Structure formats: C-alpha cells, structure tokens
C-alpha cells in the first residue's frame, strides 16, 4: 500500500471539465526518505519507516541523530511507519509523489482542529435557542436531564455532555486525487482534510 507523509497547505477550488466548482485541499508531499525497513524475521512485522521535512539538530536527541546518520538522511520533522509498502525499498531511498496518479482514491489521516471545552449545542448538535431541548425553561443551551430516577440511580457511560472537542486523530476515506503538480510536489484532492493549515498528514492508497 503506497503511502507518504505530507503537509496540509490549505483549501482552494477550481472548475472541472463539467463546469462545476470543486472544493479541494492542497497538500505538500515533498520527497520522503526511507530511514528503516522492518521485516518479519527481525522485527516481527514488515513496515517501511519514512522521514519527512527537516528539523533543527539541537532539538533532536543523540539517539535519533544516530538513527538519521545511519540512514544517510538529514534530521527530519516527522517519522512514520507504513505497512504493506513495496518491500524492494532500502534505507536511503526516496519515495515521492509519482506513486500516485490523477483519479486515485486515497485515505488521509490527520489531527482535527482543537475546539477546547464546548457545550452540548456545539459539541453534539443539541437544539439550543428555538428548540429548547429537554424541557429547559430558562437555559436554552443547557443539556437538561442526564439520568433516570432511583433506577438505575446513575448516569450511563457515553452520555452526551459538554467536554473537550476536537484534537482527535481522524481518517477520511475515498478522497479523489484531482490534480498533481510534480514539479512543486503538490497533490490536490477533492474535499476537506482534517487539521489546520500547516499540519502534517498521512496519505495512503
């Protein structure tokens, strides 16, 4: 399963051949470098470890510096493993945008934007003003009753309540590659990708 580490640049739109305006996300997929190849015999599972971007050496531990030096690559910003990739890859090889093509359906994993502590109206879509959920007479954005009476005398796990929202690892499936700009290492996919602009994402077929 081909994969790459990339970075979300932002969203844009363009008109396709049918004349429809299509919302898209632009991803920077600069070349990834193979830093380690894991095998069933040695590690118990097969995977390819890829490095993306550059980082300051002063912010890297000596152990990781040795790991990068052994692979012959610069200190990277992100290090991730991909399973079921091409087993013919070796340490020091480069993996680039050319393993994708226009029309491919990819799955993209990222960390969604953090929203902080939010109430039930924003977090779970409760009615709020105008719909007065759960019979609230003077607090239109409140959750209302959260439990039963003496039976079961507790609140069930999973009750929709206020709490931390966002900042979750999310995978979006079946995003179609609509355009590629290999000379600038840009991959443009239809639809939205989780995360803020500048956040790192994992792209897999």
C-alpha atoms as a PDB file:
ATOM      1  CA  UNK A   1       0.000   0.000   0.000  1.00  0.00           C
ATOM      2  CA  UNK A   2       1.830   3.156  -1.161  1.00  0.00           C
ATOM      3  CA  UNK A   3       1.987   5.933   1.409  1.00  0.00           C
ATOM      4  CA  UNK A   4       3.509   9.342   2.000  1.00  0.00           C
ATOM      5  CA  UNK A   5       3.847  11.913   4.744  1.00  0.00           C
ATOM      6  CA  UNK A   6       2.682  15.350   3.671  1.00  0.00           C
ATOM      7  CA  UNK A   7       1.559  18.725   4.932  1.00  0.00           C
ATOM      8  CA  UNK A   8      -1.781  20.473   4.516  1.00  0.00           C
ATOM      9  CA  UNK A   9      -1.299  23.813   2.784  1.00  0.00           C
ATOM     10  CA  UNK A  10      -4.920  24.938   2.576  1.00  0.00           C
ATOM     11  CA  UNK A  11      -8.115  24.740   0.563  1.00  0.00           C
ATOM     12  CA  UNK A  12      -8.970  26.050  -2.862  1.00  0.00           C
ATOM     13  CA  UNK A  13     -11.430  25.365  -5.658  1.00  0.00           C
ATOM     14  CA  UNK A  14     -11.455  25.100  -9.420  1.00  0.00           C
ATOM     15  CA  UNK A  15     -13.832  24.269 -12.241  1.00  0.00           C
ATOM     16  CA  UNK A  16     -13.677  20.721 -13.558  1.00  0.00           C
ATOM     17  CA  UNK A  17     -14.347  19.557 -17.096  1.00  0.00           C
ATOM     18  CA  UNK A  18     -18.103  19.522 -16.367  1.00  0.00           C
ATOM     19  CA  UNK A  19     -18.047  23.194 -15.418  1.00  0.00           C
ATOM     20  CA  UNK A  20     -18.685  22.509 -11.740  1.00  0.00           C
ATOM     21  CA  UNK A  21     -16.837  24.300  -8.977  1.00  0.00           C
ATOM     22  CA  UNK A  22     -14.990  21.686  -6.895  1.00  0.00           C
ATOM     23  CA  UNK A  23     -13.687  22.341  -3.384  1.00  0.00           C
ATOM     24  CA  UNK A  24     -10.224  20.845  -2.927  1.00  0.00           C
ATOM     25  CA  UNK A  25      -7.373  20.616  -0.447  1.00  0.00           C
ATOM     26  CA  UNK A  26      -3.777  21.293  -1.476  1.00  0.00           C
ATOM     27  CA  UNK A  27      -1.121  19.046   0.095  1.00  0.00           C
ATOM     28  CA  UNK A  28       2.633  19.423   0.046  1.00  0.00           C
ATOM     29  CA  UNK A  29       4.169  15.988  -0.490  1.00  0.00           C
ATOM     30  CA  UNK A  30       7.871  16.695  -0.679  1.00  0.00           C
ATOM     31  CA  UNK A  31      10.032  13.569  -1.123  1.00  0.00           C
ATOM     32  CA  UNK A  32      10.077  11.157   1.824  1.00  0.00           C
ATOM     33  CA  UNK A  33      13.226   9.246   2.733  1.00  0.00           C
ATOM     34  CA  UNK A  34      13.384   5.639   3.872  1.00  0.00           C
ATOM     35  CA  UNK A  35      15.129   5.531   7.256  1.00  0.00           C
ATOM     36  CA  UNK A  36      14.405   1.912   8.197  1.00  0.00           C
ATOM     37  CA  UNK A  37      12.937  -1.232   6.657  1.00  0.00           C
ATOM     38  CA  UNK A  38      11.413  -3.657   9.179  1.00  0.00           C
ATOM     39  CA  UNK A  39      10.961  -7.335   8.389  1.00  0.00           C
ATOM     40  CA  UNK A  40       9.040 -10.235   9.895  1.00  0.00           C
ATOM     41  CA  UNK A  41      12.252 -12.131  10.602  1.00  0.00           C
ATOM     42  CA  UNK A  42      13.946  -9.348  12.547  1.00  0.00           C
ATOM     43  CA  UNK A  43      11.148  -7.150  13.924  1.00  0.00           C
ATOM     44  CA  UNK A  44       8.102  -9.408  13.921  1.00  0.00           C
ATOM     45  CA  UNK A  45       6.266  -7.380  11.299  1.00  0.00           C
ATOM     46  CA  UNK A  46       7.011  -5.752   7.970  1.00  0.00           C
ATOM     47  CA  UNK A  47       6.954  -1.982   7.553  1.00  0.00           C
ATOM     48  CA  UNK A  48       8.803   0.889   5.934  1.00  0.00           C
ATOM     49  CA  UNK A  49       9.765   3.893   8.041  1.00  0.00           C
ATOM     50  CA  UNK A  50       9.635   7.226   6.203  1.00  0.00           C
ATOM     51  CA  UNK A  51      11.010  10.644   7.176  1.00  0.00           C
ATOM     52  CA  UNK A  52       9.521  13.954   6.041  1.00  0.00           C
ATOM     53  CA  UNK A  53      10.704  17.543   6.314  1.00  0.00           C
ATOM     54  CA  UNK A  54      13.699  18.941   8.168  1.00  0.00           C
ATOM     55  CA  UNK A  55      14.219  19.848  11.806  1.00  0.00           C
ATOM     56  CA  UNK A  56      16.924  21.544  13.845  1.00  0.00           C
ATOM     57  CA  UNK A  57      19.590  19.198  15.140  1.00  0.00           C
ATOM     58  CA  UNK A  58      19.668  20.965  18.507  1.00  0.00           C
ATOM     59  CA  UNK A  59      16.059  19.843  19.075  1.00  0.00           C
ATOM     60  CA  UNK A  60      16.864  16.202  18.298  1.00  0.00           C
ATOM     61  CA  UNK A  61      18.168  13.589  20.718  1.00  0.00           C
ATOM     62  CA  UNK A  62      21.533  11.937  20.142  1.00  0.00           C
ATOM     63  CA  UNK A  63      19.831   8.590  19.602  1.00  0.00           C
ATOM     64  CA  UNK A  64      17.687   9.994  16.808  1.00  0.00           C
ATOM     65  CA  UNK A  65      20.668  11.798  15.273  1.00  0.00           C
ATOM     66  CA  UNK A  66      22.450   8.444  15.109  1.00  0.00           C
ATOM     67  CA  UNK A  67      19.369   6.883  13.527  1.00  0.00           C
ATOM     68  CA  UNK A  68      19.279   9.530  10.790  1.00  0.00           C
ATOM     69  CA  UNK A  69      23.038   9.403  10.243  1.00  0.00           C
ATOM     70  CA  UNK A  70      22.881   5.637   9.800  1.00  0.00           C
ATOM     71  CA  UNK A  71      20.230   6.107   7.109  1.00  0.00           C
ATOM     72  CA  UNK A  72      22.215   8.895   5.471  1.00  0.00           C
ATOM     73  CA  UNK A  73      19.415  11.467   5.643  1.00  0.00           C
ATOM     74  CA  UNK A  74      19.010  14.830   7.332  1.00  0.00           C
ATOM     75  CA  UNK A  75      17.247  15.222  10.675  1.00  0.00           C
ATOM     76  CA  UNK A  76      13.532  15.030   9.837  1.00  0.00           C
ATOM     77  CA  UNK A  77      10.463  16.759  11.154  1.00  0.00           C
ATOM     78  CA  UNK A  78       8.190  13.687  11.075  1.00  0.00           C
ATOM     79  CA  UNK A  79       8.909   9.963  11.230  1.00  0.00           C
ATOM     80  CA  UNK A  80       6.159   7.434  10.450  1.00  0.00           C
ATOM     81  CA  UNK A  81       5.818   3.770   9.549  1.00  0.00           C
ATOM     82  CA  UNK A  82       3.780   2.370   6.673  1.00  0.00           C
ATOM     83  CA  UNK A  83       2.913  -1.298   6.463  1.00  0.00           C
ATOM     84  CA  UNK A  84       2.341  -3.284   3.267  1.00  0.00           C
ATOM     85  CA  UNK A  85       4.546  -0.962   1.216  1.00  0.00           C
ATOM     86  CA  UNK A  86       6.971  -2.016  -1.515  1.00  0.00           C
ATOM     87  CA  UNK A  87       9.391  -4.477   0.078  1.00  0.00           C
ATOM     88  CA  UNK A  88      12.039  -3.650  -2.525  1.00  0.00           C
ATOM     89  CA  UNK A  89      12.751  -0.321  -0.858  1.00  0.00           C
ATOM     90  CA  UNK A  90      16.008   0.035   1.022  1.00  0.00           C
ATOM     91  CA  UNK A  91      17.383   2.515   3.547  1.00  0.00           C
ATOM     92  CA  UNK A  92      18.206   5.849   1.951  1.00  0.00           C
ATOM     93  CA  UNK A  93      15.740   5.502  -0.945  1.00  0.00           C
ATOM     94  CA  UNK A  94      13.391   8.322  -1.882  1.00  0.00           C
ATOM     95  CA  UNK A  95       9.611   7.976  -2.121  1.00  0.00           C
ATOM     96  CA  UNK A  96       7.863  10.789  -3.976  1.00  0.00           C
ATOM     97  CA  UNK A  97       4.550  11.922  -5.433  1.00  0.00           C
ATOM     98  CA  UNK A  98       4.923   9.743  -8.529  1.00  0.00           C
ATOM     99  CA  UNK A  99       3.453   6.710  -6.766  1.00  0.00           C
ATOM    100  CA  UNK A 100       0.053   8.423  -7.049  1.00  0.00           C
ATOM    101  CA  UNK A 101      -1.869   9.377 -10.175  1.00  0.00           C
ATOM    102  CA  UNK A 102      -4.901  11.502 -11.008  1.00  0.00           C
ATOM    103  CA  UNK A 103      -8.099   9.598 -10.267  1.00  0.00           C
ATOM    104  CA  UNK A 104      -6.739   7.580  -7.348  1.00  0.00           C
ATOM    105  CA  UNK A 105      -8.844   7.287  -4.204  1.00  0.00           C
ATOM    106  CA  UNK A 106      -6.712   7.960  -1.144  1.00  0.00           C
ATOM    107  CA  UNK A 107      -7.260   7.942   2.606  1.00  0.00           C
ATOM    108  CA  UNK A 108      -5.786  10.802   4.592  1.00  0.00           C
ATOM    109  CA  UNK A 109      -5.143  10.792   8.336  1.00  0.00           C
ATOM    110  CA  UNK A 110      -4.630  13.933  10.386  1.00  0.00           C
ATOM    111  CA  UNK A 111      -5.369  15.531  13.750  1.00  0.00           C
ATOM    112  CA  UNK A 112      -8.508  17.658  13.704  1.00  0.00           C
ATOM    113  CA  UNK A 113      -8.580  21.253  14.908  1.00  0.00           C
ATOM    114  CA  UNK A 114      -8.898  21.606  18.673  1.00  0.00           C
ATOM    115  CA  UNK A 115     -12.040  23.462  19.772  1.00  0.00           C
ATOM    116  CA  UNK A 116     -11.391  23.473  23.510  1.00  0.00           C
ATOM    117  CA  UNK A 117     -14.147  22.852  26.076  1.00  0.00           C
ATOM    118  CA  UNK A 118     -17.524  23.149  24.360  1.00  0.00           C
ATOM    119  CA  UNK A 119     -21.142  22.765  25.390  1.00  0.00           C
ATOM    120  CA  UNK A 120     -23.717  20.313  24.101  1.00  0.00           C
ATOM    121  CA  UNK A 121     -25.096  22.627  21.405  1.00  0.00           C
ATOM    122  CA  UNK A 122     -21.806  22.926  19.547  1.00  0.00           C
ATOM    123  CA  UNK A 123     -20.355  19.545  20.505  1.00  0.00           C
ATOM    124  CA  UNK A 124     -23.389  17.322  19.893  1.00  0.00           C
ATOM    125  CA  UNK A 125     -25.815  19.484  17.935  1.00  0.00           C
ATOM    126  CA  UNK A 126     -28.489  19.904  20.631  1.00  0.00           C
ATOM    127  CA  UNK A 127     -31.391  22.196  19.730  1.00  0.00           C
ATOM    128  CA  UNK A 128     -30.493  25.254  21.749  1.00  0.00           C
ATOM    129  CA  UNK A 129     -32.340  28.521  21.180  1.00  0.00           C
ATOM    130  CA  UNK A 130     -35.649  27.990  19.399  1.00  0.00           C
ATOM    131  CA  UNK A 131     -35.888  24.276  20.098  1.00  0.00           C
ATOM    132  CA  UNK A 132     -35.392  24.236  23.880  1.00  0.00           C
ATOM    133  CA  UNK A 133     -34.176  20.666  24.159  1.00  0.00           C
ATOM    134  CA  UNK A 134     -35.075  18.543  27.170  1.00  0.00           C
ATOM    135  CA  UNK A 135     -37.686  20.970  28.500  1.00  0.00           C
ATOM    136  CA  UNK A 136     -35.351  23.715  29.656  1.00  0.00           C
ATOM    137  CA  UNK A 137     -37.424  26.758  30.509  1.00  0.00           C
ATOM    138  CA  UNK A 138     -34.764  29.343  31.238  1.00  0.00           C
ATOM    139  CA  UNK A 139     -31.443  27.942  29.952  1.00  0.00           C
ATOM    140  CA  UNK A 140     -31.778  27.339  26.246  1.00  0.00           C
ATOM    141  CA  UNK A 141     -28.260  25.960  25.705  1.00  0.00           C
ATOM    142  CA  UNK A 142     -28.211  23.655  28.732  1.00  0.00           C
ATOM    143  CA  UNK A 143     -28.227  19.837  28.327  1.00  0.00           C
ATOM    144  CA  UNK A 144     -31.250  19.162  30.532  1.00  0.00           C
ATOM    145  CA  UNK A 145     -31.754  15.960  32.491  1.00  0.00           C
ATOM    146  CA  UNK A 146     -28.876  13.476  32.280  1.00  0.00           C
ATOM    147  CA  UNK A 147     -30.147  10.480  34.243  1.00  0.00           C
ATOM    148  CA  UNK A 148     -33.147   8.452  35.382  1.00  0.00           C
ATOM    149  CA  UNK A 149     -34.721   8.279  38.839  1.00  0.00           C
ATOM    150  CA  UNK A 150     -33.927   5.702  41.535  1.00  0.00           C
ATOM    151  CA  UNK A 151     -33.418   3.133  38.795  1.00  0.00           C
ATOM    152  CA  UNK A 152     -30.612   2.942  37.748  1.00  0.00           C
ATOM    153  CA  UNK A 153     -29.533   5.791  40.060  1.00  0.00           C
ATOM    154  CA  UNK A 154     -26.583   6.676  37.876  1.00  0.00           C
ATOM    155  CA  UNK A 155     -25.627   8.232  34.576  1.00  0.00           C
ATOM    156  CA  UNK A 156     -24.815   5.781  31.781  1.00  0.00           C
ATOM    157  CA  UNK A 157     -21.400   5.918  30.164  1.00  0.00           C
ATOM    158  CA  UNK A 158     -21.402   7.720  26.840  1.00  0.00           C
ATOM    159  CA  UNK A 159     -23.978  10.317  27.828  1.00  0.00           C
ATOM    160  CA  UNK A 160     -23.658  13.306  25.513  1.00  0.00           C
ATOM    161  CA  UNK A 161     -22.414  16.150  27.674  1.00  0.00           C
ATOM    162  CA  UNK A 162     -20.103  19.140  27.489  1.00  0.00           C
ATOM    163  CA  UNK A 163     -16.392  18.427  27.196  1.00  0.00           C
ATOM    164  CA  UNK A 164     -13.227  18.723  25.146  1.00  0.00           C
ATOM    165  CA  UNK A 165     -13.933  18.901  21.446  1.00  0.00           C
ATOM    166  CA  UNK A 166     -11.599  18.290  18.521  1.00  0.00           C
ATOM    167  CA  UNK A 167      -7.877  17.467  18.543  1.00  0.00           C
ATOM    168  CA  UNK A 168      -8.664  13.863  17.563  1.00  0.00           C
ATOM    169  CA  UNK A 169      -6.919  11.594  15.076  1.00  0.00           C
ATOM    170  CA  UNK A 170      -9.273  11.320  12.097  1.00  0.00           C
ATOM    171  CA  UNK A 171      -9.037   9.380   8.833  1.00  0.00           C
ATOM    172  CA  UNK A 172     -11.052  10.490   5.811  1.00  0.00           C
ATOM    173  CA  UNK A 173     -11.546   7.820   3.146  1.00  0.00           C
ATOM    174  CA  UNK A 174     -12.079   7.941  -0.619  1.00  0.00           C
ATOM    175  CA  UNK A 175     -10.687  11.390  -1.370  1.00  0.00           C
ATOM    176  CA  UNK A 176     -10.074  11.536  -5.105  1.00  0.00           C
ATOM    177  CA  UNK A 177      -6.840  12.940  -6.495  1.00  0.00           C
ATOM    178  CA  UNK A 178      -7.975  15.583  -8.992  1.00  0.00           C
ATOM    179  CA  UNK A 179      -4.674  17.232  -9.878  1.00  0.00           C
ATOM    180  CA  UNK A 180      -0.931  16.805  -9.392  1.00  0.00           C
ATOM    181  CA  UNK A 181       1.900  19.315  -9.749  1.00  0.00           C
ATOM    182  CA  UNK A 182       5.041  17.117  -9.572  1.00  0.00           C
ATOM    183  CA  UNK A 183       7.497  19.983 -10.137  1.00  0.00           C
ATOM    184  CA  UNK A 184       6.197  21.662  -6.956  1.00  0.00           C
ATOM    185  CA  UNK A 185       5.427  18.421  -5.065  1.00  0.00           C
ATOM    186  CA  UNK A 186       1.747  19.331  -4.777  1.00  0.00           C
ATOM    187  CA  UNK A 187      -1.120  16.868  -4.518  1.00  0.00           C
ATOM    188  CA  UNK A 188      -4.671  18.236  -4.836  1.00  0.00           C
ATOM    189  CA  UNK A 189      -7.541  16.108  -3.548  1.00  0.00           C
ATOM    190  CA  UNK A 190     -11.262  16.700  -3.686  1.00  0.00           C
ATOM    191  CA  UNK A 191     -12.892  17.546  -0.360  1.00  0.00           C
ATOM    192  CA  UNK A 192     -11.656  18.536   3.084  1.00  0.00           C
ATOM    193  CA  UNK A 193      -8.760  17.116   5.066  1.00  0.00           C
ATOM    194  CA  UNK A 194      -8.646  17.148   8.896  1.00  0.00           C
ATOM    195  CA  UNK A 195      -6.279  19.551  10.619  1.00  0.00           C
ATOM    196  CA  UNK A 196      -5.212  23.163  10.424  1.00  0.00           C
ATOM    197  CA  UNK A 197      -3.100  24.625   7.647  1.00  0.00           C
ATOM    198  CA  UNK A 198       0.486  23.542   8.122  1.00  0.00           C
ATOM    199  CA  UNK A 199      -0.384  20.320   9.953  1.00  0.00           C
ATOM    200  CA  UNK A 200       1.158  17.004   8.945  1.00  0.00           C
ATOM    201  CA  UNK A 201      -0.976  14.300   7.353  1.00  0.00           C
ATOM    202  CA  UNK A 202      -0.543  10.689   6.246  1.00  0.00           C
ATOM    203  CA  UNK A 203      -1.626   9.832   2.705  1.00  0.00           C
ATOM    204  CA  UNK A 204      -2.284   6.216   1.693  1.00  0.00           C
ATOM    205  CA  UNK A 205      -3.870   4.419  -1.235  1.00  0.00           C
END
